[in-house]
Protein backbone atom coordinates (compact mmCIF):
# COMPACT_ATOMS: atom_id res chain seq x y z
CA UNK A 1 127.43 22.07 94.25
CA UNK A 2 129.64 25.03 95.16
CA UNK A 3 127.50 28.12 95.73
CA UNK A 4 128.65 31.55 96.89
CA UNK A 5 126.22 33.85 98.70
CA UNK A 6 127.04 37.42 99.67
CA UNK A 7 125.13 38.26 102.85
CA UNK A 8 124.28 41.91 103.48
CA UNK A 9 122.78 42.09 106.99
CA UNK A 10 122.30 45.86 106.80
CA UNK A 11 120.65 47.98 109.47
CA UNK A 12 118.21 47.56 112.36
CA UNK A 13 116.74 44.07 112.55
CA UNK A 14 118.49 43.08 109.32
CA UNK A 15 121.34 41.20 111.03
CA UNK A 16 118.94 39.33 113.33
CA UNK A 17 116.61 38.00 110.65
CA UNK A 18 119.38 37.35 108.14
CA UNK A 19 121.20 35.22 110.69
CA UNK A 20 118.21 32.89 110.92
CA UNK A 21 118.01 32.57 107.13
CA UNK A 22 121.72 31.76 106.91
CA UNK A 23 121.37 29.12 109.63
CA UNK A 24 118.69 27.37 107.61
CA UNK A 25 120.67 27.62 104.38
CA UNK A 26 123.59 26.01 106.22
CA UNK A 27 121.29 23.18 107.29
CA UNK A 28 120.26 22.71 103.66
CA UNK A 29 123.90 22.57 102.59
CA UNK A 30 124.81 20.04 105.26
CA UNK A 31 121.84 17.80 104.44
CA UNK A 32 122.49 17.84 100.71
CA UNK A 33 126.28 17.73 100.75
CA UNK A 34 126.47 21.14 99.09
CA UNK A 35 129.17 23.74 99.68
CA UNK A 36 127.60 27.11 100.46
CA UNK A 37 130.14 29.87 101.00
CA UNK A 38 128.78 32.88 102.88
CA UNK A 39 130.61 36.20 102.52
CA UNK A 40 129.31 39.01 104.76
CA UNK A 41 129.61 42.62 103.64
CA UNK A 42 128.26 46.00 104.89
CA UNK A 43 125.48 47.98 103.22
CA UNK A 44 123.18 50.85 104.17
CA UNK A 45 123.55 53.22 107.10
CA UNK A 46 126.07 51.04 108.88
CA UNK A 47 128.22 50.98 105.76
CA UNK A 48 128.14 54.79 105.61
CA UNK A 49 129.40 55.01 109.19
CA UNK A 50 132.02 52.30 108.62
CA UNK A 51 133.15 52.97 105.05
CA UNK A 52 131.71 56.34 104.03
CA UNK A 53 129.36 54.86 101.43
CA UNK A 54 125.98 53.07 101.58
CA UNK A 55 127.33 50.65 98.95
CA UNK A 56 131.10 50.26 99.36
CA UNK A 57 133.01 49.04 96.32
CA UNK A 58 134.11 45.94 98.24
CA UNK A 59 130.46 45.08 98.85
CA UNK A 60 129.47 45.57 95.23
CA UNK A 61 132.43 43.53 93.98
CA UNK A 62 131.53 40.67 96.31
CA UNK A 63 127.90 40.72 95.12
CA UNK A 64 128.92 40.64 91.46
CA UNK A 65 131.26 37.71 92.15
CA UNK A 66 128.54 35.69 93.88
CA UNK A 67 125.83 33.29 92.76
CA UNK A 68 123.20 35.13 94.83
CA UNK A 69 122.84 37.96 97.33
CA UNK A 70 120.85 37.79 100.58
CA UNK A 71 119.93 41.16 102.11
CA UNK A 72 118.44 42.02 105.51
CA UNK A 73 117.20 45.62 105.57
CA UNK A 74 118.57 49.15 105.22
CA UNK A 75 117.69 52.56 106.58
CA UNK A 76 116.24 54.13 109.69
CA UNK A 77 115.43 57.57 111.12
CA UNK A 78 119.04 58.03 112.22
CA UNK A 79 120.05 58.30 108.56
CA UNK A 80 117.19 60.48 107.27
CA UNK A 81 119.29 63.65 107.53
CA UNK A 82 122.12 62.23 105.41
CA UNK A 83 122.76 63.77 102.00
CA UNK A 84 120.97 61.96 99.16
CA UNK A 85 124.06 60.10 97.91
CA UNK A 86 124.77 58.83 101.44
CA UNK A 87 121.28 57.62 102.32
CA UNK A 88 120.96 53.86 102.88
CA UNK A 89 118.16 53.58 100.32
CA UNK A 90 120.49 55.04 97.68
CA UNK A 91 122.86 52.16 98.30
CA UNK A 92 120.07 49.64 97.77
CA UNK A 93 118.85 51.30 94.56
CA UNK A 94 122.41 51.42 93.23
CA UNK A 95 122.88 47.74 94.08
CA UNK A 96 119.73 46.76 92.18
CA UNK A 97 120.88 48.76 89.18
CA UNK A 98 124.41 47.32 89.27
CA UNK A 99 123.10 43.75 89.50
CA UNK A 100 120.60 44.42 86.72
CA UNK A 101 117.65 42.93 88.61
CA UNK A 102 114.65 44.28 86.70
CA UNK A 103 111.86 42.01 88.01
CA UNK A 104 110.89 41.94 91.67
CA UNK A 105 108.80 38.93 92.73
CA UNK A 106 106.75 39.45 95.89
CA UNK A 107 104.46 36.59 96.95
CA UNK A 108 101.72 37.00 99.58
CA UNK A 109 99.92 33.96 100.98
CA UNK A 110 97.02 33.83 103.43
CA UNK A 111 98.28 31.45 106.12
CA UNK A 112 95.20 30.01 107.82
CA UNK A 113 96.82 29.57 111.23
CA UNK A 114 97.48 33.32 111.61
CA UNK A 115 94.21 34.58 110.15
CA UNK A 116 93.41 36.40 113.39
CA UNK A 117 96.27 38.87 112.87
CA UNK A 118 94.86 40.12 109.56
CA UNK A 119 92.26 42.92 109.57
CA UNK A 120 90.48 41.09 106.75
CA UNK A 121 87.65 38.70 107.52
CA UNK A 122 88.64 35.04 107.21
CA UNK A 123 86.19 34.43 104.38
CA UNK A 124 87.70 37.34 102.42
CA UNK A 125 91.35 36.33 102.70
CA UNK A 126 90.89 32.54 102.66
CA UNK A 127 92.72 30.92 99.75
CA UNK A 128 94.54 34.09 98.70
CA UNK A 129 97.87 33.31 97.07
CA UNK A 130 99.22 36.12 94.90
CA UNK A 131 102.50 37.02 93.25
CA UNK A 132 103.28 40.67 92.60
CA UNK A 133 105.74 41.14 89.74
CA UNK A 134 107.11 44.64 90.16
CA UNK A 135 109.27 46.35 87.53
CA UNK A 136 112.36 47.38 89.48
CA UNK A 137 114.73 49.51 87.40
CA UNK A 138 112.47 52.13 85.79
CA UNK A 139 109.79 54.65 86.66
CA UNK A 140 110.08 57.41 89.24
CA UNK A 141 112.84 55.70 91.22
CA UNK A 142 115.35 55.93 88.38
CA UNK A 143 113.91 58.43 85.88
CA UNK A 144 115.86 61.55 84.92
CA UNK A 145 115.79 64.47 85.38
CA UNK A 146 115.15 64.58 89.09
CA UNK A 147 116.04 67.12 91.70
CA UNK A 148 115.23 69.55 94.48
CA UNK A 149 115.49 73.32 94.12
CA UNK A 150 115.03 74.87 97.61
CA UNK A 151 115.21 78.43 96.26
CA UNK A 152 112.24 77.81 93.96
CA UNK A 153 110.58 75.58 96.57
CA UNK A 154 110.42 72.89 93.92
CA UNK A 155 111.18 69.19 93.77
CA UNK A 156 110.67 66.92 90.76
CA UNK A 157 110.97 63.33 89.59
CA UNK A 158 110.50 61.81 86.16
CA UNK A 159 108.51 58.68 85.36
CA UNK A 160 109.68 57.11 82.12
CA UNK A 161 109.57 53.66 80.53
CA UNK A 162 110.79 52.16 77.28
CA UNK A 163 108.98 49.39 75.45
CA UNK A 164 111.92 47.09 76.15
CA UNK A 165 111.77 47.67 79.90
CA UNK A 166 108.07 46.84 79.98
CA UNK A 167 108.33 43.87 77.66
CA UNK A 168 111.01 42.05 79.63
CA UNK A 169 109.17 42.27 82.94
CA UNK A 170 105.89 41.31 81.26
CA UNK A 171 107.53 38.13 79.95
CA UNK A 172 108.57 37.27 83.51
CA UNK A 173 105.01 37.77 84.74
CA UNK A 174 103.46 35.56 82.06
CA UNK A 175 106.07 32.85 82.55
CA UNK A 176 105.38 32.82 86.31
CA UNK A 177 101.64 32.69 85.63
CA UNK A 178 102.18 29.53 83.58
CA UNK A 179 103.69 27.95 86.70
CA UNK A 180 100.68 28.99 88.79
CA UNK A 181 96.98 29.49 87.90
CA UNK A 182 97.51 31.13 84.50
CA UNK A 183 96.00 34.51 85.29
CA UNK A 184 97.68 37.93 85.00
CA UNK A 185 96.26 41.30 85.97
CA UNK A 186 98.22 44.33 84.81
CA UNK A 187 97.85 47.41 87.01
CA UNK A 188 98.44 50.91 85.63
CA UNK A 189 96.97 54.42 85.45
CA UNK A 190 96.29 54.45 81.72
CA UNK A 191 93.44 56.95 81.99
CA UNK A 192 95.93 59.66 83.04
CA UNK A 193 99.57 58.70 82.42
CA UNK A 194 101.29 58.32 79.04
CA UNK A 195 103.71 55.82 80.57
CA UNK A 196 100.75 53.70 81.65
CA UNK A 197 99.21 53.79 78.19
CA UNK A 198 102.49 52.49 76.79
CA UNK A 199 102.60 49.94 79.61
CA UNK A 200 99.11 48.66 78.78
CA UNK A 201 99.79 48.36 75.06
CA UNK A 202 103.08 46.48 75.53
CA UNK A 203 101.63 44.07 78.10
CA UNK A 204 98.70 43.40 75.77
CA UNK A 205 101.09 42.63 72.93
CA UNK A 206 103.20 40.28 75.08
CA UNK A 207 100.01 38.47 76.14
CA UNK A 208 99.48 37.38 72.53
CA UNK A 209 102.42 34.98 72.97
CA UNK A 210 100.68 33.39 75.97
CA UNK A 211 97.21 32.35 74.75
CA UNK A 212 96.94 29.93 77.69
CA UNK A 213 97.16 32.82 80.19
CA UNK A 214 94.21 35.13 80.85
CA UNK A 215 95.07 38.86 80.92
CA UNK A 216 93.06 41.53 82.71
CA UNK A 217 93.82 45.25 83.10
CA UNK A 218 93.02 47.45 86.11
CA UNK A 219 93.56 51.03 87.20
CA UNK A 220 95.76 51.27 90.28
CA UNK A 221 93.34 53.25 92.46
CA UNK A 222 90.39 50.88 92.02
CA UNK A 223 92.67 47.85 92.15
CA UNK A 224 94.01 48.94 95.54
CA UNK A 225 90.49 48.43 96.86
CA UNK A 226 89.99 45.12 95.05
CA UNK A 227 93.22 43.75 96.49
CA UNK A 228 91.79 43.84 100.00
CA UNK A 229 88.15 43.08 99.18
CA UNK A 230 88.59 40.13 96.79
CA UNK A 231 92.24 39.03 97.10
CA UNK A 232 91.59 35.35 96.44
CA UNK A 233 90.59 35.98 92.83
CA UNK A 234 94.04 37.27 91.83
CA UNK A 235 97.04 35.22 90.74
CA UNK A 236 99.92 37.20 89.19
CA UNK A 237 99.87 41.00 89.43
CA UNK A 238 102.23 42.93 87.18
CA UNK A 239 102.84 46.64 87.63
CA UNK A 240 105.45 49.38 87.45
CA UNK A 241 107.97 50.31 90.11
CA UNK A 242 106.13 52.75 92.38
CA UNK A 243 102.74 51.04 92.14
CA UNK A 244 104.41 47.69 92.85
CA UNK A 245 106.14 49.02 95.93
CA UNK A 246 102.88 50.30 97.36
CA UNK A 247 100.61 47.42 96.37
CA UNK A 248 102.95 44.70 97.61
CA UNK A 249 103.08 46.38 101.02
CA UNK A 250 99.29 46.62 100.97
CA UNK A 251 99.22 42.88 100.29
CA UNK A 252 100.67 42.39 103.77
CA UNK A 253 97.14 42.68 105.14
CA UNK A 254 96.38 39.39 103.39
CA UNK A 255 99.05 37.64 105.43
CA UNK A 256 98.68 39.82 108.52
CA UNK A 257 102.21 41.22 108.74
CA UNK A 258 105.00 42.63 106.59
CA UNK A 259 107.25 40.31 108.56
CA UNK A 260 105.95 37.31 106.61
CA UNK A 261 106.69 38.62 103.12
CA UNK A 262 109.80 37.67 101.10
CA UNK A 263 111.01 38.91 97.73
CA UNK A 264 113.30 37.98 94.88
CA UNK A 265 114.84 40.49 92.47
CA UNK A 266 115.78 38.63 89.32
CA UNK A 267 116.76 39.06 85.69
CA UNK A 268 120.25 40.49 86.01
CA UNK A 269 123.79 39.21 86.42
CA UNK A 270 123.14 38.15 90.04
CA UNK A 271 119.80 37.80 91.79
CA UNK A 272 118.99 39.56 95.07
CA UNK A 273 116.76 38.21 97.87
CA UNK A 274 115.34 40.17 100.79
CA UNK A 275 112.30 40.40 103.07
CA UNK A 276 110.15 43.40 102.15
CA UNK A 277 109.92 44.77 105.69
CA UNK A 278 112.04 47.68 106.81
CA UNK A 279 114.86 47.87 109.32
CA UNK A 280 112.52 48.48 112.31
CA UNK A 281 115.22 50.10 114.47
CA UNK A 282 112.79 50.47 117.38
CA UNK A 283 112.86 46.69 117.96
CA UNK A 284 116.44 45.99 116.87
CA UNK A 285 118.35 43.94 119.40
CA UNK A 286 115.21 42.94 121.33
CA UNK A 287 115.04 39.47 119.73
CA UNK A 288 111.39 39.95 118.77
CA UNK A 289 111.71 40.54 115.01
CA UNK A 290 109.84 38.16 112.72
CA UNK A 291 112.44 36.18 110.72
CA UNK A 292 109.96 34.41 108.41
CA UNK A 293 110.21 36.99 105.60
CA UNK A 294 113.99 36.52 105.52
CA UNK A 295 113.71 32.73 105.77
CA UNK A 296 111.15 32.64 102.95
CA UNK A 297 113.50 34.84 100.90
CA UNK A 298 116.17 32.17 101.40
CA UNK A 299 113.70 29.62 100.02
CA UNK A 300 113.26 31.79 96.92
CA UNK A 301 117.05 31.97 96.61
CA UNK A 302 117.23 28.19 96.55
CA UNK A 303 114.39 27.95 94.02
CA UNK A 304 115.50 30.57 91.52
CA UNK A 305 119.30 30.86 91.83
CA UNK A 306 120.43 27.49 93.21
CA UNK A 307 117.73 25.52 91.33
CA UNK A 308 117.03 23.46 94.46
CA UNK A 309 113.24 23.32 94.35
CA UNK A 310 112.93 20.38 96.75
CA UNK A 311 114.90 22.23 99.40
CA UNK A 312 112.92 25.42 98.75
CA UNK A 313 109.71 23.44 99.25
CA UNK A 314 111.09 22.06 102.52
CA UNK A 315 111.59 25.59 103.88
CA UNK A 316 108.18 26.81 102.75
CA UNK A 317 106.35 23.80 104.19
CA UNK A 318 108.34 24.14 107.41
CA UNK A 319 107.25 27.77 107.75
CA UNK A 320 103.61 26.66 107.55
CA UNK A 321 104.27 23.84 110.03
CA UNK A 322 105.90 26.25 112.48
CA UNK A 323 102.99 28.67 112.32
CA UNK A 324 100.49 25.80 112.61
CA UNK A 325 102.32 24.64 115.74
CA UNK A 326 101.56 27.98 117.38
CA UNK A 327 104.92 29.75 117.20
CA UNK A 328 104.32 33.48 116.81
CA UNK A 329 106.49 36.57 116.79
CA UNK A 330 104.94 39.64 118.41
CA UNK A 331 103.74 41.12 115.11
CA UNK A 332 101.49 38.08 114.64
CA UNK A 333 99.73 38.44 117.99
CA UNK A 334 96.76 40.77 118.41
CA UNK A 335 96.22 40.53 122.15
CA UNK A 336 98.59 42.97 123.95
CA UNK A 337 98.86 40.65 126.95
CA UNK A 338 99.63 37.61 124.79
CA UNK A 339 102.37 39.56 123.00
CA UNK A 340 104.48 39.18 126.13
CA UNK A 341 104.54 35.43 125.45
CA UNK A 342 105.61 35.79 121.83
CA UNK A 343 108.28 33.52 120.39
CA UNK A 344 111.69 35.10 119.93
CA UNK A 345 113.42 35.58 116.60
CA UNK A 346 115.81 32.79 117.47
CA UNK A 347 113.07 30.41 118.62
CA UNK A 348 111.12 30.74 115.39
CA UNK A 349 114.29 30.31 113.36
CA UNK A 350 115.20 27.19 115.35
CA UNK A 351 111.73 25.70 114.86
CA UNK A 352 111.81 26.21 111.09
CA UNK A 353 115.37 24.86 110.95
CA UNK A 354 114.40 21.72 112.90
CA UNK A 355 111.45 21.04 110.60
CA UNK A 356 113.55 21.60 107.49
CA UNK A 357 116.09 19.08 108.73
CA UNK A 358 113.33 16.56 109.52
CA UNK A 359 111.74 16.97 106.08
CA UNK A 360 115.02 16.56 104.24
CA UNK A 361 115.92 13.54 106.37
CA UNK A 362 112.56 11.96 105.53
CA UNK A 363 113.07 12.68 101.84
CA UNK A 364 116.48 11.04 101.86
CA UNK A 365 115.14 8.03 103.75
CA UNK A 366 112.29 7.52 101.28
CA UNK A 367 114.68 7.76 98.34
CA UNK A 368 116.98 5.23 99.98
CA UNK A 369 114.12 2.75 100.27
């Protein structure tokens, strides 16, 4: 297998966590005899300073020529004063649109070994394993018209959806539910918003093609409470762009940290993988960032783009093994004194990498027998 991956380290802790994910992907390639070609390109605030654009043409071209894209993080307070077209987040939104990735998959799993870092009681979070399917190319983030009129002291955004945009992401959600526990809950605000009423009707229609999957509807405000009071009862959550952004971050309380959460943006010409945490510039360069979200994103890359499910499993099991063995980044430690003994970014990456190699070696040995 020859597989090209464009790596976009980005800003803040992005380069640190992405480096660990690439190291593990290289281990996968070596173990399986695959050829993974990594091409690194700038994006975000650093790209603005280096190239004058948050998404340079060279970066976009490389992404479109690749089999997958692995992103670290973009943004930071240093770039907040930039004009809208130069803001790092604009580069990321433009990349998603150019790649055509309309479905964002965001899993959240309650790891038992780090239950103490979640504010939820163990009995509440135990067994929680959810997948948020977020529509990624519509809604307020892309709707027109939008603008800011300082003279009138007015700013405005437009939320709009077509039936086609809703239908295609709903199909993704129901297909993923068939691979899991066959339950979908669609989250909207149909009691107030016309877009949500359309959303609910289209999702209901798509559900007719999946009689083996149970569909439930919920309003976003009440569901936000249910997500943290009864998380274990949910399987696949489908929702629109803004609600999905907020709810998937809220789901971090199930795991205990944003640093544990990966994502996959799929459905377009090239799929994009990234941890959902931000650039965290306050800890950049301190070697204390949690790399697990980036490493788990690499596992999703292998599963969805490279079609290497065994290798993806090896990474995911190795993450659990590493946490079970007591390796913790600072964000996973509650005690302020114990935080000083936290594992470094590189140490956690090395532990996952070692376990991945051991698992793949064992698999090859058993197949040889």
